[in-house]
Amino acid sequence: MNVLPSRLDPRWRDVATGKLGGNWRLLAVKLMMQRIRTATHADPSPANVMKCAGEIHDFFEKNQKIAGADLAELFH
């Protein structure tokens, strides 16, 4: 199983803003990332980006078993 980076890892913010990402395999991840990137594009404030980054972290924390391939692609 992949090690989940800390919620405070700055790479989560890069994922939220689209600076870091991959070819998402899991449909749930694709949909979440589309929604989050739209939200961070509409409101790029640090507070909103942190909120969105936290949401991504929480998703991967809860779904490591099914989303492990996408997590591995992010943090290889």
C-alpha atoms as a PDB file:
ATOM      1  CA  MET A   1       0.000   0.000   0.000  1.00  0.00           C
ATOM      2  CA  ASN A   2       1.206   3.512  -0.784  1.00  0.00           C
ATOM      3  CA  VAL A   3       2.168   5.887   1.982  1.00  0.00           C
ATOM      4  CA  LEU A   4      -0.220   8.810   2.119  1.00  0.00           C
ATOM      5  CA  PRO A   5       1.647  12.121   2.383  1.00  0.00           C
ATOM      6  CA  SER A   6       0.740  14.423   5.247  1.00  0.00           C
ATOM      7  CA  ARG A   7      -2.316  16.636   4.826  1.00  0.00           C
ATOM      8  CA  LEU A   8       0.108  19.606   5.011  1.00  0.00           C
ATOM      9  CA  ASP A   9       2.309  18.382   2.153  1.00  0.00           C
ATOM     10  CA  PRO A  10       2.378  21.229  -0.423  1.00  0.00           C
ATOM     11  CA  ARG A  11       1.952  18.750  -3.271  1.00  0.00           C
ATOM     12  CA  TRP A  12      -1.743  18.428  -2.351  1.00  0.00           C
ATOM     13  CA  ARG A  13      -2.151  22.129  -3.228  1.00  0.00           C
ATOM     14  CA  ASP A  14      -0.420  21.465  -6.545  1.00  0.00           C
ATOM     15  CA  VAL A  15      -2.873  18.651  -7.223  1.00  0.00           C
ATOM     16  CA  ALA A  16      -5.822  20.920  -6.367  1.00  0.00           C
ATOM     17  CA  THR A  17      -4.657  23.642  -8.757  1.00  0.00           C
ATOM     18  CA  GLY A  18      -3.704  21.288 -11.580  1.00  0.00           C
ATOM     19  CA  LYS A  19       0.072  21.787 -11.364  1.00  0.00           C
ATOM     20  CA  LEU A  20       0.418  18.145 -10.405  1.00  0.00           C
ATOM     21  CA  GLY A  21      -1.760  15.353 -11.658  1.00  0.00           C
ATOM     22  CA  GLY A  22      -2.012  12.346 -13.773  1.00  0.00           C
ATOM     23  CA  ASN A  23      -4.218  10.260 -15.946  1.00  0.00           C
ATOM     24  CA  TRP A  24      -6.795   9.358 -13.351  1.00  0.00           C
ATOM     25  CA  ARG A  25      -7.910   5.751 -13.551  1.00  0.00           C
ATOM     26  CA  LEU A  26     -10.793   5.814 -11.094  1.00  0.00           C
ATOM     27  CA  LEU A  27     -13.949   7.594 -12.223  1.00  0.00           C
ATOM     28  CA  ALA A  28     -14.579   8.972  -8.740  1.00  0.00           C
ATOM     29  CA  VAL A  29     -11.138  10.619  -8.779  1.00  0.00           C
ATOM     30  CA  LYS A  30     -11.718  12.040 -12.268  1.00  0.00           C
ATOM     31  CA  LEU A  31     -15.011  13.606 -11.198  1.00  0.00           C
ATOM     32  CA  MET A  32     -13.625  14.973  -7.934  1.00  0.00           C
ATOM     33  CA  MET A  33     -10.592  16.476  -9.655  1.00  0.00           C
ATOM     34  CA  GLN A  34     -12.703  18.119 -12.334  1.00  0.00           C
ATOM     35  CA  ARG A  35     -14.882  19.718  -9.660  1.00  0.00           C
ATOM     36  CA  ILE A  36     -11.932  20.788  -7.513  1.00  0.00           C
ATOM     37  CA  ARG A  37      -9.942  22.260 -10.372  1.00  0.00           C
ATOM     38  CA  THR A  38     -13.000  24.236 -11.434  1.00  0.00           C
ATOM     39  CA  ALA A  39     -13.353  25.494  -7.854  1.00  0.00           C
ATOM     40  CA  THR A  40      -9.693  26.493  -7.529  1.00  0.00           C
ATOM     41  CA  HIS A  41      -9.765  28.191 -10.910  1.00  0.00           C
ATOM     42  CA  ALA A  42     -12.837  30.203  -9.896  1.00  0.00           C
ATOM     43  CA  ASP A  43     -11.380  31.068  -6.474  1.00  0.00           C
ATOM     44  CA  PRO A  44      -7.582  30.710  -6.322  1.00  0.00           C
ATOM     45  CA  SER A  45      -7.350  32.184  -2.818  1.00  0.00           C
ATOM     46  CA  PRO A  46      -4.984  30.336  -0.484  1.00  0.00           C
ATOM     47  CA  ALA A  47      -7.862  29.452   1.850  1.00  0.00           C
ATOM     48  CA  ASN A  48      -9.895  27.841  -0.935  1.00  0.00           C
ATOM     49  CA  VAL A  49      -6.903  25.984  -2.370  1.00  0.00           C
ATOM     50  CA  MET A  50      -6.097  24.615   1.110  1.00  0.00           C
ATOM     51  CA  LYS A  51      -9.725  23.540   1.591  1.00  0.00           C
ATOM     52  CA  CYS A  52      -9.725  21.748  -1.750  1.00  0.00           C
ATOM     53  CA  ALA A  53      -6.322  20.160  -1.081  1.00  0.00           C
ATOM     54  CA  GLY A  54      -7.666  18.864   2.224  1.00  0.00           C
ATOM     55  CA  GLU A  55     -10.653  17.373   0.450  1.00  0.00           C
ATOM     56  CA  ILE A  56      -8.367  15.503  -1.949  1.00  0.00           C
ATOM     57  CA  HIS A  57      -6.256  14.209   0.933  1.00  0.00           C
ATOM     58  CA  ASP A  58      -9.369  13.072   2.813  1.00  0.00           C
ATOM     59  CA  PHE A  59     -10.642  11.232  -0.262  1.00  0.00           C
ATOM     60  CA  PHE A  60      -7.395   9.327  -0.724  1.00  0.00           C
ATOM     61  CA  GLU A  61      -7.159   8.627   3.002  1.00  0.00           C
ATOM     62  CA  LYS A  62     -10.613   7.023   2.985  1.00  0.00           C
ATOM     63  CA  ASN A  63     -10.217   5.252  -0.358  1.00  0.00           C
ATOM     64  CA  GLN A  64      -6.592   4.089  -0.495  1.00  0.00           C
ATOM     65  CA  LYS A  65      -7.557   0.562  -1.442  1.00  0.00           C
ATOM     66  CA  ILE A  66      -9.581   1.513  -4.515  1.00  0.00           C
ATOM     67  CA  ALA A  67      -7.638   4.649  -5.470  1.00  0.00           C
ATOM     68  CA  GLY A  68      -4.126   3.379  -4.754  1.00  0.00           C
ATOM     69  CA  ALA A  69      -3.076   3.418  -8.408  1.00  0.00           C
ATOM     70  CA  ASP A  70      -3.999   7.096  -8.750  1.00  0.00           C
ATOM     71  CA  LEU A  71      -2.244   7.907  -5.480  1.00  0.00           C
ATOM     72  CA  ALA A  72       0.886   6.085  -6.634  1.00  0.00           C
ATOM     73  CA  GLU A  73       0.879   8.058  -9.876  1.00  0.00           C
ATOM     74  CA  LEU A  74       0.753  11.337  -7.951  1.00  0.00           C
ATOM     75  CA  PHE A  75       3.520  10.589  -5.482  1.00  0.00           C
ATOM     76  CA  HIS A  76       5.884   8.174  -7.237  1.00  0.00           C
END
